[in-house]
Amino acid sequence: MYNKLPHKRYKHTLNFLKSVLPAPATILDLGVRNPFSEIMEQHGYTVYNTIGEDLDLVPEIVKKHDIDAITAFEIFEHLVAPFNILKAIECKKIIATIPLNLWFAKAYRSKTDMRDRHYHEFEDWQFDWLLEKAGWDIKKKEKWTSPINKIGFRPVLRSFTPRYYAIYAEK
């Protein structure tokens, strides 16, 4: 089954999700519907997605559904003020991943899409602090690399430097 997943990141994210929130479960996945929404459904989860609202401006969107958990896979780095939505969440469980700040690479910035930019790329301790300050108690953490098939200094560094950080937290 895992060899059908399109990315190493999806495989790690799915394994992390299953380890902290076994299916069946109902999830509000922050962000528009995407290939990973479908993967979660294929694995027994009921998934609602936000529909492109600016989560900085309407954090109350997290109160719209009766759910078991909130997921936010590579979402918080796009927000100017992720604290507001983290504080607004009433659901007792959150599973999130973020790209980590890498000393050898600048934050991602699309030149064509204003929404597809990283305002934050956190270090793990910064994301932990943000969650704790918003009232969350981190129960599990995991990191993984994101190697790419290119030649060069940065690709070598990516093969052993963690790029993604996953957390499971409860209120």
Protein backbone atom coordinates (compact mmCIF):
# COMPACT_ATOMS: atom_id res chain seq x y z
CA MET A 1 0.00 0.00 0.00
CA TYR A 2 2.74 2.49 0.95
CA ASN A 3 4.52 2.13 -2.38
CA LYS A 4 1.43 3.79 -3.94
CA LEU A 5 1.85 6.96 -1.91
CA PRO A 6 3.15 9.82 -4.07
CA HIS A 7 5.74 11.13 -1.62
CA LYS A 8 7.92 9.99 1.25
CA ARG A 9 6.35 12.84 3.23
CA TYR A 10 2.86 11.33 2.78
CA LYS A 11 4.05 7.96 4.02
CA HIS A 12 5.60 9.45 7.16
CA THR A 13 2.62 11.73 7.76
CA LEU A 14 0.14 8.86 7.41
CA ASN A 15 2.14 6.61 9.74
CA PHE A 16 2.34 9.40 12.32
CA LEU A 17 -1.40 10.09 12.03
CA LYS A 18 -2.28 6.41 12.43
CA SER A 19 -0.05 6.12 15.49
CA VAL A 20 -1.83 8.93 17.37
CA LEU A 21 -5.35 8.80 15.92
CA PRO A 22 -6.36 5.39 14.57
CA ALA A 23 -9.17 5.25 12.02
CA PRO A 24 -12.08 5.57 11.98
CA ALA A 25 -11.99 9.20 13.09
CA THR A 26 -13.46 12.46 11.86
CA ILE A 27 -10.95 15.18 11.00
CA LEU A 28 -11.04 18.85 10.06
CA ASP A 29 -7.97 19.21 7.85
CA LEU A 30 -6.91 22.86 7.66
CA GLY A 31 -6.32 23.80 4.05
CA VAL A 32 -8.11 23.04 0.82
CA ARG A 33 -8.83 19.50 -0.28
CA ASN A 34 -5.63 17.90 -1.58
CA PRO A 35 -4.20 14.48 -2.47
CA PHE A 36 -3.46 13.76 1.20
CA SER A 37 -7.14 14.36 2.09
CA GLU A 38 -7.96 11.50 -0.26
CA ILE A 39 -5.24 9.30 1.21
CA MET A 40 -6.66 9.82 4.72
CA GLU A 41 -10.14 8.87 3.44
CA GLN A 42 -8.74 5.74 1.78
CA HIS A 43 -7.40 4.76 5.21
CA GLY A 44 -10.74 5.08 7.00
CA TYR A 45 -10.86 8.73 8.09
CA THR A 46 -13.76 11.09 7.46
CA VAL A 47 -12.17 14.34 6.29
CA TYR A 48 -13.55 17.85 6.12
CA ASN A 49 -11.35 20.58 4.65
CA THR A 50 -11.44 24.31 4.85
CA ILE A 51 -12.19 25.87 1.47
CA GLY A 52 -9.49 28.47 1.07
CA GLU A 53 -10.51 30.95 3.74
CA ASP A 54 -7.71 33.15 5.06
CA LEU A 55 -7.16 31.38 8.37
CA ASP A 56 -5.43 34.46 9.77
CA LEU A 57 -8.66 36.43 9.30
CA VAL A 58 -11.27 33.77 10.17
CA PRO A 59 -9.78 31.50 12.84
CA GLU A 60 -13.31 30.66 14.03
CA ILE A 61 -13.62 28.31 11.02
CA VAL A 62 -12.13 25.61 13.28
CA LYS A 63 -15.41 25.52 15.25
CA LYS A 64 -17.61 24.62 12.27
CA HIS A 65 -17.61 20.78 12.50
CA ASP A 66 -18.07 18.11 15.18
CA ILE A 67 -14.73 16.31 14.88
CA ASP A 68 -12.28 14.05 16.70
CA ALA A 69 -9.18 16.01 15.69
CA ILE A 70 -7.78 18.91 13.70
CA THR A 71 -5.00 18.22 11.23
CA ALA A 72 -2.75 20.89 9.76
CA PHE A 73 -0.19 19.47 7.36
CA GLU A 74 2.18 22.20 6.22
CA ILE A 75 -0.27 25.01 6.95
CA PHE A 76 1.03 27.04 9.90
CA GLU A 77 4.11 28.28 8.04
CA HIS A 78 1.78 30.13 5.63
CA LEU A 79 0.01 32.08 8.39
CA VAL A 80 1.15 35.45 9.68
CA ALA A 81 -0.36 34.72 13.11
CA PRO A 82 -0.76 30.96 13.68
CA PHE A 83 -1.27 31.59 17.41
CA ASN A 84 -4.80 32.91 16.75
CA ILE A 85 -6.08 29.75 15.10
CA LEU A 86 -4.25 27.48 17.55
CA LYS A 87 -5.93 29.34 20.42
CA ALA A 88 -9.37 29.23 18.73
CA ILE A 89 -9.41 25.45 18.32
CA GLU A 90 -11.86 23.87 20.75
CA CYS A 91 -11.24 20.29 19.61
CA LYS A 92 -9.02 18.48 22.13
CA LYS A 93 -6.56 16.96 19.61
CA ILE A 94 -4.31 18.36 16.91
CA ILE A 95 -1.90 16.63 14.53
CA ALA A 96 0.33 18.99 12.57
CA THR A 97 3.43 19.00 10.41
CA ILE A 98 5.62 21.92 9.47
CA PRO A 99 8.73 22.34 7.35
CA LEU A 100 11.68 23.13 9.57
CA ASN A 101 13.87 26.15 9.09
CA LEU A 102 17.07 24.99 7.38
CA TRP A 103 20.24 27.00 7.81
CA PHE A 104 21.27 26.24 4.24
CA ALA A 105 18.01 27.18 2.48
CA LYS A 106 15.83 30.28 2.52
CA ALA A 107 12.11 30.13 3.29
CA TYR A 108 9.96 29.01 0.37
CA ARG A 109 8.47 31.85 -1.67
CA SER A 110 6.42 31.36 -4.80
CA LYS A 111 6.99 34.10 -7.34
CA THR A 112 3.57 33.57 -8.96
CA ASP A 113 1.18 32.76 -6.07
CA MET A 114 0.96 35.18 -3.13
CA ARG A 115 -0.75 32.51 -0.99
CA ASP A 116 1.91 29.88 -1.60
CA ARG A 117 4.63 31.39 0.56
CA HIS A 118 6.13 30.56 3.90
CA TYR A 119 5.86 33.42 6.35
CA HIS A 120 7.39 31.19 9.06
CA GLU A 121 9.74 28.29 8.86
CA PHE A 122 10.11 27.26 12.46
CA GLU A 123 12.80 25.57 14.44
CA ASP A 124 11.29 22.71 16.42
CA TRP A 125 11.54 24.55 19.76
CA GLN A 126 9.75 27.59 18.29
CA PHE A 127 6.80 25.51 17.12
CA ASP A 128 6.69 23.73 20.50
CA TRP A 129 6.63 27.09 22.27
CA LEU A 130 3.87 28.40 20.00
CA LEU A 131 1.72 25.35 20.75
CA GLU A 132 2.37 25.47 24.48
CA LYS A 133 1.58 29.20 24.60
CA ALA A 134 -1.73 28.51 22.81
CA GLY A 135 -2.68 25.94 25.47
CA TRP A 136 -1.55 22.67 23.86
CA ASP A 137 0.33 19.83 25.57
CA ILE A 138 2.61 18.04 23.10
CA LYS A 139 2.31 14.26 23.46
CA LYS A 140 4.40 13.02 20.54
CA LYS A 141 6.98 14.46 18.12
CA GLU A 142 8.78 13.12 15.08
CA LYS A 143 11.12 14.48 12.38
CA TRP A 144 12.13 13.18 8.98
CA THR A 145 14.35 14.15 6.09
CA SER A 146 13.40 15.17 2.57
CA PRO A 147 16.19 14.04 0.27
CA ILE A 148 16.05 15.05 -3.36
CA ASN A 149 17.59 13.32 -6.36
CA LYS A 150 19.98 16.06 -7.40
CA ILE A 151 23.71 16.56 -7.20
CA GLY A 152 25.15 19.27 -5.00
CA PHE A 153 25.88 20.48 -1.50
CA ARG A 154 22.27 21.16 -0.48
CA PRO A 155 20.94 17.79 -1.74
CA VAL A 156 23.61 16.02 0.33
CA LEU A 157 22.62 18.06 3.41
CA ARG A 158 18.94 17.24 2.82
CA SER A 159 19.70 13.52 2.98
CA PHE A 160 20.50 13.70 6.69
CA THR A 161 19.07 17.03 7.93
CA PRO A 162 15.44 16.74 9.12
CA ARG A 163 13.12 18.91 7.04
CA TYR A 164 9.69 17.99 8.43
CA TYR A 165 8.47 18.08 12.01
CA ALA A 166 5.27 16.39 13.18
CA ILE A 167 3.51 16.86 16.50
CA TYR A 168 0.50 15.41 18.22
CA ALA A 169 -0.87 17.61 21.00
CA GLU A 170 -3.91 17.74 23.27
CA LYS A 171 -5.73 20.46 25.18
